[in-house]
Amino acid sequence: MIDLSGKRALVAGGSRGIGAAIALALAENGADVAFTYQNSAEKAQAIAASIKATGRRAVTIQADSADPEAITRAVDEAVAELGGIDILINSAGIGYYGPMTELDLGQYQKLMDVNVRAPMLFAKAVIPHLRAGGRIVTIGSGLAERVPFPGVTAYAVSKAALTSFTRGLSRELGPSGITVNLVQPGSTDTDANPANGDAADFQRGMTSLGRYAEPREIANAVVFLASPAASVITGTILNADAGALA
C-alpha cells in the first residue's frame, strides 16, 4: 500500500469513470479527497460515501470545468474544507467526434476549454497552495500520440496539448520540489467507451494485452505518481494503454 496519510487531494472531474476510480484510490491509500462534478450529483454523493467508508474526508464540489470562475471557486472551497491541497489531479474531460468538415466552432471551443484550459486554470489556482512534495497529475489520452482511425482529430489535438503543459510546468515547479506528470490511458472500460461497445473489438485488437483497462488500473498509476515513491519522476508521460502504443 502506498502511504498518502495526511495528504489532501483535489480531483477535477471525480464523480464517474476514471476520475471516480482515482478519487477512491487516493482515499484508500490515506488521502482526504475533494472532487468536482458537473451534473451527476447522485453519483458524486455515492463516491463521497465510498471515500468516507475508508475513514477519509470527502468533499463534493459542483463546478463546470468550462467556467473559469467555477474553477477558482472549487479550489478555494477545497482548500477551505481540507485545510490545504497537496495533490491536484486533472481528470475532467469531454470528447466531440466527427470529421473536420463537420466540426462546430462552439463544440470545438468547449472541447479546448475543458480539456486544455481547465487543467491550466486548476493548476494556476492550486500552485500557490502547494509545497515541496506537491503533486500535479493530469489525465490525457493515447490518442495524443497515435491517431489510428478518423473522426477524433480535434479531441487528439486537445490531448496532445497536455504533453507540453506537463513538461513546461514541470520545469517551472521543479525548483520548488513539486512534480508534474501526465498519464495517457488507452481504451478503458467506462460509460463513454464501454468494453462491450460497437468498436470495442477493434480497440482491443490494437493492444498488446488484447483487452481494455479497468478504471482502477489507471487510478493505480495515478496514485503512484501522486506518492512519495515517485519523488524523482516529473515531466513524464506514462502510457497506461495495455500496449497500444508499443
C-alpha atoms as a PDB file:
ATOM      1  CA  MET A   1       0.000   0.000   0.000  1.00  0.00           C
ATOM      2  CA  ILE A   2       1.248   3.489  -0.859  1.00  0.00           C
ATOM      3  CA  ASP A   3       1.014   5.780   2.149  1.00  0.00           C
ATOM      4  CA  LEU A   4      -0.722   9.088   1.423  1.00  0.00           C
ATOM      5  CA  SER A   5      -1.650   9.709   5.050  1.00  0.00           C
ATOM      6  CA  GLY A   6      -2.038  13.398   5.779  1.00  0.00           C
ATOM      7  CA  LYS A   7      -2.244  14.329   2.099  1.00  0.00           C
ATOM      8  CA  ARG A   8      -5.114  16.390   0.735  1.00  0.00           C
ATOM      9  CA  ALA A   9      -6.158  15.867  -2.869  1.00  0.00           C
ATOM     10  CA  LEU A  10      -8.371  17.719  -5.299  1.00  0.00           C
ATOM     11  CA  VAL A  11      -9.670  15.646  -8.220  1.00  0.00           C
ATOM     12  CA  ALA A  12     -11.153  17.704 -11.044  1.00  0.00           C
ATOM     13  CA  GLY A  13     -13.881  15.516 -12.524  1.00  0.00           C
ATOM     14  CA  GLY A  14     -14.201  12.807  -9.889  1.00  0.00           C
ATOM     15  CA  SER A  15     -17.786  11.600  -9.965  1.00  0.00           C
ATOM     16  CA  ARG A  16     -17.559   8.984 -12.715  1.00  0.00           C
ATOM     17  CA  GLY A  17     -15.267   6.793 -14.783  1.00  0.00           C
ATOM     18  CA  ILE A  18     -11.520   7.162 -14.338  1.00  0.00           C
ATOM     19  CA  GLY A  19     -11.882  10.233 -12.116  1.00  0.00           C
ATOM     20  CA  ALA A  20     -14.105   8.395  -9.648  1.00  0.00           C
ATOM     21  CA  ALA A  21     -11.670   5.479  -9.505  1.00  0.00           C
ATOM     22  CA  ILE A  22      -8.829   7.915  -8.818  1.00  0.00           C
ATOM     23  CA  ALA A  23     -10.714   9.693  -6.037  1.00  0.00           C
ATOM     24  CA  LEU A  24     -11.476   6.405  -4.290  1.00  0.00           C
ATOM     25  CA  ALA A  25      -7.963   5.003  -4.760  1.00  0.00           C
ATOM     26  CA  LEU A  26      -6.421   8.139  -3.250  1.00  0.00           C
ATOM     27  CA  ALA A  27      -8.666   7.758  -0.206  1.00  0.00           C
ATOM     28  CA  GLU A  28      -7.920   4.057   0.147  1.00  0.00           C
ATOM     29  CA  ASN A  29      -4.241   4.966   0.308  1.00  0.00           C
ATOM     30  CA  GLY A  30      -4.789   7.539   3.044  1.00  0.00           C
ATOM     31  CA  ALA A  31      -5.605  10.879   1.405  1.00  0.00           C
ATOM     32  CA  ASP A  32      -8.523  13.169   2.141  1.00  0.00           C
ATOM     33  CA  VAL A  33     -10.241  13.949  -1.145  1.00  0.00           C
ATOM     34  CA  ALA A  34     -12.247  16.812  -2.602  1.00  0.00           C
ATOM     35  CA  PHE A  35     -13.575  16.332  -6.099  1.00  0.00           C
ATOM     36  CA  THR A  36     -15.617  18.270  -8.605  1.00  0.00           C
ATOM     37  CA  TYR A  37     -18.608  17.160 -10.607  1.00  0.00           C
ATOM     38  CA  GLN A  38     -20.818  18.959 -13.074  1.00  0.00           C
ATOM     39  CA  ASN A  39     -24.221  17.268 -13.273  1.00  0.00           C
ATOM     40  CA  SER A  40     -24.005  13.870 -11.567  1.00  0.00           C
ATOM     41  CA  ALA A  41     -24.910  14.883  -8.004  1.00  0.00           C
ATOM     42  CA  GLU A  42     -26.229  11.428  -7.143  1.00  0.00           C
ATOM     43  CA  LYS A  43     -23.081   9.722  -8.431  1.00  0.00           C
ATOM     44  CA  ALA A  44     -20.936  12.275  -6.613  1.00  0.00           C
ATOM     45  CA  GLN A  45     -22.648  11.507  -3.313  1.00  0.00           C
ATOM     46  CA  ALA A  46     -22.146   7.780  -3.885  1.00  0.00           C
ATOM     47  CA  ILE A  47     -18.416   8.281  -4.471  1.00  0.00           C
ATOM     48  CA  ALA A  48     -18.223  10.528  -1.407  1.00  0.00           C
ATOM     49  CA  ALA A  49     -19.866   7.799   0.674  1.00  0.00           C
ATOM     50  CA  SER A  50     -17.300   5.266  -0.560  1.00  0.00           C
ATOM     51  CA  ILE A  51     -14.467   7.645   0.343  1.00  0.00           C
ATOM     52  CA  LYS A  52     -15.889   8.212   3.830  1.00  0.00           C
ATOM     53  CA  ALA A  53     -16.167   4.441   4.266  1.00  0.00           C
ATOM     54  CA  THR A  54     -12.360   4.305   4.091  1.00  0.00           C
ATOM     55  CA  GLY A  55     -12.172   6.684   7.048  1.00  0.00           C
ATOM     56  CA  ARG A  56     -11.072   9.659   4.978  1.00  0.00           C
ATOM     57  CA  ARG A  57     -12.744  13.022   4.467  1.00  0.00           C
ATOM     58  CA  ALA A  58     -14.720  13.628   1.265  1.00  0.00           C
ATOM     59  CA  VAL A  59     -15.795  16.972  -0.194  1.00  0.00           C
ATOM     60  CA  THR A  60     -18.046  17.211  -3.262  1.00  0.00           C
ATOM     61  CA  ILE A  61     -17.936  20.444  -5.273  1.00  0.00           C
ATOM     62  CA  GLN A  62     -20.273  21.247  -8.135  1.00  0.00           C
ATOM     63  CA  ALA A  63     -18.251  23.033 -10.803  1.00  0.00           C
ATOM     64  CA  ASP A  64     -18.273  23.315 -14.588  1.00  0.00           C
ATOM     65  CA  SER A  65     -14.698  22.915 -15.836  1.00  0.00           C
ATOM     66  CA  ALA A  66     -15.552  25.157 -18.790  1.00  0.00           C
ATOM     67  CA  ASP A  67     -16.162  28.058 -16.368  1.00  0.00           C
ATOM     68  CA  PRO A  68     -13.005  29.833 -15.102  1.00  0.00           C
ATOM     69  CA  GLU A  69     -14.822  31.329 -12.120  1.00  0.00           C
ATOM     70  CA  ALA A  70     -16.140  27.920 -11.116  1.00  0.00           C
ATOM     71  CA  ILE A  71     -12.599  26.523 -11.182  1.00  0.00           C
ATOM     72  CA  THR A  72     -11.301  29.234  -8.864  1.00  0.00           C
ATOM     73  CA  ARG A  73     -14.252  28.733  -6.526  1.00  0.00           C
ATOM     74  CA  ALA A  74     -13.710  24.961  -6.492  1.00  0.00           C
ATOM     75  CA  VAL A  75     -10.080  25.335  -5.467  1.00  0.00           C
ATOM     76  CA  ASP A  76     -10.964  27.866  -2.766  1.00  0.00           C
ATOM     77  CA  GLU A  77     -13.651  25.535  -1.411  1.00  0.00           C
ATOM     78  CA  ALA A  78     -11.329  22.532  -1.417  1.00  0.00           C
ATOM     79  CA  VAL A  79      -8.656  24.489   0.450  1.00  0.00           C
ATOM     80  CA  ALA A  80     -11.171  25.738   2.989  1.00  0.00           C
ATOM     81  CA  GLU A  81     -12.674  22.301   3.622  1.00  0.00           C
ATOM     82  CA  LEU A  82      -9.447  20.284   3.658  1.00  0.00           C
ATOM     83  CA  GLY A  83      -7.128  22.915   5.096  1.00  0.00           C
ATOM     84  CA  GLY A  84      -4.920  22.933   2.016  1.00  0.00           C
ATOM     85  CA  ILE A  85      -4.042  20.935  -1.098  1.00  0.00           C
ATOM     86  CA  ASP A  86      -1.062  18.647  -1.656  1.00  0.00           C
ATOM     87  CA  ILE A  87      -2.220  16.809  -4.793  1.00  0.00           C
ATOM     88  CA  LEU A  88      -4.073  18.033  -7.869  1.00  0.00           C
ATOM     89  CA  ILE A  89      -5.499  15.502 -10.310  1.00  0.00           C
ATOM     90  CA  ASN A  90      -6.799  16.917 -13.604  1.00  0.00           C
ATOM     91  CA  SER A  91      -9.198  14.246 -14.814  1.00  0.00           C
ATOM     92  CA  ALA A  92     -12.145  16.229 -16.170  1.00  0.00           C
ATOM     93  CA  GLY A  93     -12.503  15.856 -19.920  1.00  0.00           C
ATOM     94  CA  ILE A  94     -15.007  15.734 -22.754  1.00  0.00           C
ATOM     95  CA  GLY A  95     -14.977  14.452 -26.314  1.00  0.00           C
ATOM     96  CA  TYR A  96     -16.554  15.541 -29.582  1.00  0.00           C
ATOM     97  CA  TYR A  97     -16.112  13.256 -32.554  1.00  0.00           C
ATOM     98  CA  GLY A  98     -16.616  13.527 -36.287  1.00  0.00           C
ATOM     99  CA  PRO A  99     -14.833  14.733 -39.436  1.00  0.00           C
ATOM    100  CA  MET A 100     -13.250  18.175 -39.514  1.00  0.00           C
ATOM    101  CA  THR A 101     -15.690  19.261 -42.226  1.00  0.00           C
ATOM    102  CA  GLU A 102     -18.489  18.929 -39.667  1.00  0.00           C
ATOM    103  CA  LEU A 103     -16.664  20.495 -36.716  1.00  0.00           C
ATOM    104  CA  ASP A 104     -18.852  23.007 -34.912  1.00  0.00           C
ATOM    105  CA  LEU A 105     -16.950  26.027 -33.602  1.00  0.00           C
ATOM    106  CA  GLY A 106     -18.876  26.083 -30.347  1.00  0.00           C
ATOM    107  CA  GLN A 107     -18.187  22.406 -29.703  1.00  0.00           C
ATOM    108  CA  TYR A 108     -14.517  22.887 -30.538  1.00  0.00           C
ATOM    109  CA  GLN A 109     -14.226  25.812 -28.141  1.00  0.00           C
ATOM    110  CA  LYS A 110     -15.818  23.874 -25.291  1.00  0.00           C
ATOM    111  CA  LEU A 111     -13.538  20.917 -26.025  1.00  0.00           C
ATOM    112  CA  MET A 112     -10.493  23.139 -25.675  1.00  0.00           C
ATOM    113  CA  ASP A 113     -11.922  24.941 -22.644  1.00  0.00           C
ATOM    114  CA  VAL A 114     -12.435  21.710 -20.704  1.00  0.00           C
ATOM    115  CA  ASN A 115      -9.557  19.570 -21.979  1.00  0.00           C
ATOM    116  CA  VAL A 116      -6.821  22.217 -22.183  1.00  0.00           C
ATOM    117  CA  ARG A 117      -7.750  25.450 -20.430  1.00  0.00           C
ATOM    118  CA  ALA A 118      -9.242  23.808 -17.330  1.00  0.00           C
ATOM    119  CA  PRO A 119      -6.113  21.839 -16.354  1.00  0.00           C
ATOM    120  CA  MET A 120      -4.087  25.020 -16.736  1.00  0.00           C
ATOM    121  CA  LEU A 121      -6.509  27.075 -14.641  1.00  0.00           C
ATOM    122  CA  PHE A 122      -6.805  24.419 -11.951  1.00  0.00           C
ATOM    123  CA  ALA A 123      -3.009  24.330 -11.760  1.00  0.00           C
ATOM    124  CA  LYS A 124      -2.779  28.124 -11.649  1.00  0.00           C
ATOM    125  CA  ALA A 125      -5.215  28.255  -8.738  1.00  0.00           C
ATOM    126  CA  VAL A 126      -3.667  25.334  -6.845  1.00  0.00           C
ATOM    127  CA  ILE A 127       0.052  26.145  -7.218  1.00  0.00           C
ATOM    128  CA  PRO A 128       0.072  28.872  -4.511  1.00  0.00           C
ATOM    129  CA  HIS A 129      -1.120  26.222  -2.028  1.00  0.00           C
ATOM    130  CA  LEU A 130       1.412  23.526  -2.942  1.00  0.00           C
ATOM    131  CA  ARG A 131       4.608  22.964  -1.003  1.00  0.00           C
ATOM    132  CA  ALA A 132       7.644  20.766  -1.582  1.00  0.00           C
ATOM    133  CA  GLY A 133       6.385  17.253  -2.243  1.00  0.00           C
ATOM    134  CA  GLY A 134       3.292  18.572  -4.023  1.00  0.00           C
ATOM    135  CA  ARG A 135       1.945  16.673  -6.994  1.00  0.00           C
ATOM    136  CA  ILE A 136       0.054  17.532 -10.185  1.00  0.00           C
ATOM    137  CA  VAL A 137      -1.102  14.621 -12.339  1.00  0.00           C
ATOM    138  CA  THR A 138      -3.180  15.117 -15.483  1.00  0.00           C
ATOM    139  CA  ILE A 139      -5.162  12.522 -17.425  1.00  0.00           C
ATOM    140  CA  GLY A 140      -4.507  12.660 -21.159  1.00  0.00           C
ATOM    141  CA  SER A 141      -5.070  10.074 -23.883  1.00  0.00           C
ATOM    142  CA  GLY A 142      -3.033   7.738 -26.027  1.00  0.00           C
ATOM    143  CA  LEU A 143      -4.686   9.467 -28.993  1.00  0.00           C
ATOM    144  CA  ALA A 144      -2.314  12.353 -28.332  1.00  0.00           C
ATOM    145  CA  GLU A 145       0.487  10.245 -29.804  1.00  0.00           C
ATOM    146  CA  ARG A 146      -1.240   7.954 -32.257  1.00  0.00           C
ATOM    147  CA  VAL A 147      -4.492   8.517 -34.148  1.00  0.00           C
ATOM    148  CA  PRO A 148      -5.318   5.132 -35.710  1.00  0.00           C
ATOM    149  CA  PHE A 149      -8.797   5.968 -37.003  1.00  0.00           C
ATOM    150  CA  PRO A 150     -10.605   9.032 -38.369  1.00  0.00           C
ATOM    151  CA  GLY A 151     -13.071  11.291 -36.580  1.00  0.00           C
ATOM    152  CA  VAL A 152     -11.057  12.125 -33.470  1.00  0.00           C
ATOM    153  CA  THR A 153      -8.749  14.855 -34.783  1.00  0.00           C
ATOM    154  CA  ALA A 154      -9.990  17.703 -32.587  1.00  0.00           C
ATOM    155  CA  TYR A 155     -10.031  15.510 -29.488  1.00  0.00           C
ATOM    156  CA  ALA A 156      -6.498  14.283 -30.197  1.00  0.00           C
ATOM    157  CA  VAL A 157      -5.312  17.879 -30.611  1.00  0.00           C
ATOM    158  CA  SER A 158      -6.733  18.795 -27.202  1.00  0.00           C
ATOM    159  CA  LYS A 159      -4.974  15.880 -25.530  1.00  0.00           C
ATOM    160  CA  ALA A 160      -1.688  16.467 -27.341  1.00  0.00           C
ATOM    161  CA  ALA A 161      -1.535  19.940 -25.790  1.00  0.00           C
ATOM    162  CA  LEU A 162      -1.275  18.342 -22.365  1.00  0.00           C
ATOM    163  CA  THR A 163       2.184  16.955 -23.086  1.00  0.00           C
ATOM    164  CA  SER A 164       3.639  20.453 -23.461  1.00  0.00           C
ATOM    165  CA  PHE A 165       1.645  21.639 -20.449  1.00  0.00           C
ATOM    166  CA  THR A 166       3.123  18.842 -18.340  1.00  0.00           C
ATOM    167  CA  ARG A 167       6.694  19.261 -19.485  1.00  0.00           C
ATOM    168  CA  GLY A 168       6.658  23.037 -19.258  1.00  0.00           C
ATOM    169  CA  LEU A 169       5.040  23.148 -15.824  1.00  0.00           C
ATOM    170  CA  SER A 170       7.475  20.545 -14.507  1.00  0.00           C
ATOM    171  CA  ARG A 171      10.285  22.987 -15.340  1.00  0.00           C
ATOM    172  CA  GLU A 172       8.524  25.822 -13.545  1.00  0.00           C
ATOM    173  CA  LEU A 173       7.735  23.874 -10.385  1.00  0.00           C
ATOM    174  CA  GLY A 174      10.760  21.595 -10.159  1.00  0.00           C
ATOM    175  CA  PRO A 175      12.842  24.061  -8.109  1.00  0.00           C
ATOM    176  CA  SER A 176      10.047  24.046  -5.502  1.00  0.00           C
ATOM    177  CA  GLY A 177      10.101  20.241  -5.210  1.00  0.00           C
ATOM    178  CA  ILE A 178       6.709  19.842  -6.927  1.00  0.00           C
ATOM    179  CA  THR A 179       6.304  17.190  -9.622  1.00  0.00           C
ATOM    180  CA  VAL A 180       4.054  17.341 -12.683  1.00  0.00           C
ATOM    181  CA  ASN A 181       3.190  14.251 -14.728  1.00  0.00           C
ATOM    182  CA  LEU A 182       0.759  13.015 -17.366  1.00  0.00           C
ATOM    183  CA  VAL A 183      -0.996   9.647 -17.562  1.00  0.00           C
ATOM    184  CA  GLN A 184      -2.258   8.677 -21.018  1.00  0.00           C
ATOM    185  CA  PRO A 185      -4.867   5.905 -20.803  1.00  0.00           C
ATOM    186  CA  GLY A 186      -5.753   3.770 -23.759  1.00  0.00           C
ATOM    187  CA  SER A 187      -9.143   2.116 -24.163  1.00  0.00           C
ATOM    188  CA  THR A 188     -10.671   1.982 -20.694  1.00  0.00           C
ATOM    189  CA  ASP A 189     -13.991   0.434 -19.705  1.00  0.00           C
ATOM    190  CA  THR A 190     -16.140   3.466 -18.856  1.00  0.00           C
ATOM    191  CA  ASP A 191     -19.599   4.718 -19.770  1.00  0.00           C
ATOM    192  CA  ALA A 192     -18.012   6.798 -22.522  1.00  0.00           C
ATOM    193  CA  ASN A 193     -16.184   3.831 -24.076  1.00  0.00           C
ATOM    194  CA  PRO A 194     -17.570   0.536 -22.740  1.00  0.00           C
ATOM    195  CA  ALA A 195     -15.676  -2.696 -23.271  1.00  0.00           C
ATOM    196  CA  ASN A 196     -18.809  -4.143 -24.918  1.00  0.00           C
ATOM    197  CA  GLY A 197     -19.286  -1.210 -27.311  1.00  0.00           C
ATOM    198  CA  ASP A 198     -19.534  -1.396 -31.079  1.00  0.00           C
ATOM    199  CA  ALA A 199     -15.859  -0.557 -31.632  1.00  0.00           C
ATOM    200  CA  ALA A 200     -14.511  -2.474 -28.639  1.00  0.00           C
ATOM    201  CA  ASP A 201     -13.123  -5.459 -30.554  1.00  0.00           C
ATOM    202  CA  PHE A 202     -11.207  -3.136 -32.889  1.00  0.00           C
ATOM    203  CA  GLN A 203      -9.742  -1.269 -29.931  1.00  0.00           C
ATOM    204  CA  ARG A 204      -8.745  -4.469 -28.145  1.00  0.00           C
ATOM    205  CA  GLY A 205      -7.021  -5.573 -31.323  1.00  0.00           C
ATOM    206  CA  MET A 206      -4.682  -2.567 -31.158  1.00  0.00           C
ATOM    207  CA  THR A 207      -3.298  -3.533 -27.750  1.00  0.00           C
ATOM    208  CA  SER A 208      -0.513  -5.900 -26.754  1.00  0.00           C
ATOM    209  CA  LEU A 209      -2.584  -7.329 -23.904  1.00  0.00           C
ATOM    210  CA  GLY A 210      -5.698  -7.779 -26.035  1.00  0.00           C
ATOM    211  CA  ARG A 211      -8.010  -6.098 -23.548  1.00  0.00           C
ATOM    212  CA  TYR A 212      -9.412  -2.869 -22.165  1.00  0.00           C
ATOM    213  CA  ALA A 213      -8.072  -1.338 -18.970  1.00  0.00           C
ATOM    214  CA  GLU A 214     -10.272  -1.032 -15.921  1.00  0.00           C
ATOM    215  CA  PRO A 215     -10.588   2.463 -14.402  1.00  0.00           C
ATOM    216  CA  ARG A 216      -8.908   1.194 -11.227  1.00  0.00           C
ATOM    217  CA  GLU A 217      -5.823   0.234 -13.222  1.00  0.00           C
ATOM    218  CA  ILE A 218      -5.449   3.814 -14.436  1.00  0.00           C
ATOM    219  CA  ALA A 219      -6.043   5.032 -10.897  1.00  0.00           C
ATOM    220  CA  ASN A 220      -3.205   2.834  -9.631  1.00  0.00           C
ATOM    221  CA  ALA A 221      -0.773   4.606 -11.970  1.00  0.00           C
ATOM    222  CA  VAL A 222      -2.021   7.993 -10.800  1.00  0.00           C
ATOM    223  CA  VAL A 223      -1.716   7.089  -7.117  1.00  0.00           C
ATOM    224  CA  PHE A 224       1.893   6.019  -7.683  1.00  0.00           C
ATOM    225  CA  LEU A 225       2.759   9.328  -9.359  1.00  0.00           C
ATOM    226  CA  ALA A 226       0.993  11.207  -6.553  1.00  0.00           C
ATOM    227  CA  SER A 227       3.003   9.399  -3.896  1.00  0.00           C
ATOM    228  CA  PRO A 228       6.435   9.903  -2.328  1.00  0.00           C
ATOM    229  CA  ALA A 229       7.560   6.792  -4.238  1.00  0.00           C
ATOM    230  CA  ALA A 230       7.602   8.894  -7.428  1.00  0.00           C
ATOM    231  CA  SER A 231       9.610  11.749  -5.953  1.00  0.00           C
ATOM    232  CA  VAL A 232      12.143  11.881  -8.804  1.00  0.00           C
ATOM    233  CA  ILE A 233       9.621  11.445 -11.632  1.00  0.00           C
ATOM    234  CA  THR A 234       8.478  14.687 -13.245  1.00  0.00           C
ATOM    235  CA  GLY A 235       7.717  15.959 -16.732  1.00  0.00           C
ATOM    236  CA  THR A 236       6.961  12.349 -17.651  1.00  0.00           C
ATOM    237  CA  ILE A 237       4.257  10.911 -19.912  1.00  0.00           C
ATOM    238  CA  LEU A 238       3.140   7.495 -18.682  1.00  0.00           C
ATOM    239  CA  ASN A 239       1.179   5.406 -21.183  1.00  0.00           C
ATOM    240  CA  ALA A 240      -1.308   3.174 -19.354  1.00  0.00           C
ATOM    241  CA  ASP A 241      -2.749   1.674 -22.529  1.00  0.00           C
ATOM    242  CA  ALA A 242      -2.309  -2.120 -22.481  1.00  0.00           C
ATOM    243  CA  GLY A 243       0.457  -1.697 -25.034  1.00  0.00           C
ATOM    244  CA  ALA A 244      -1.494   0.164 -27.720  1.00  0.00           C
ATOM    245  CA  LEU A 245       1.481   2.435 -28.347  1.00  0.00           C
ATOM    246  CA  ALA A 246       4.074  -0.344 -28.218  1.00  0.00           C
END
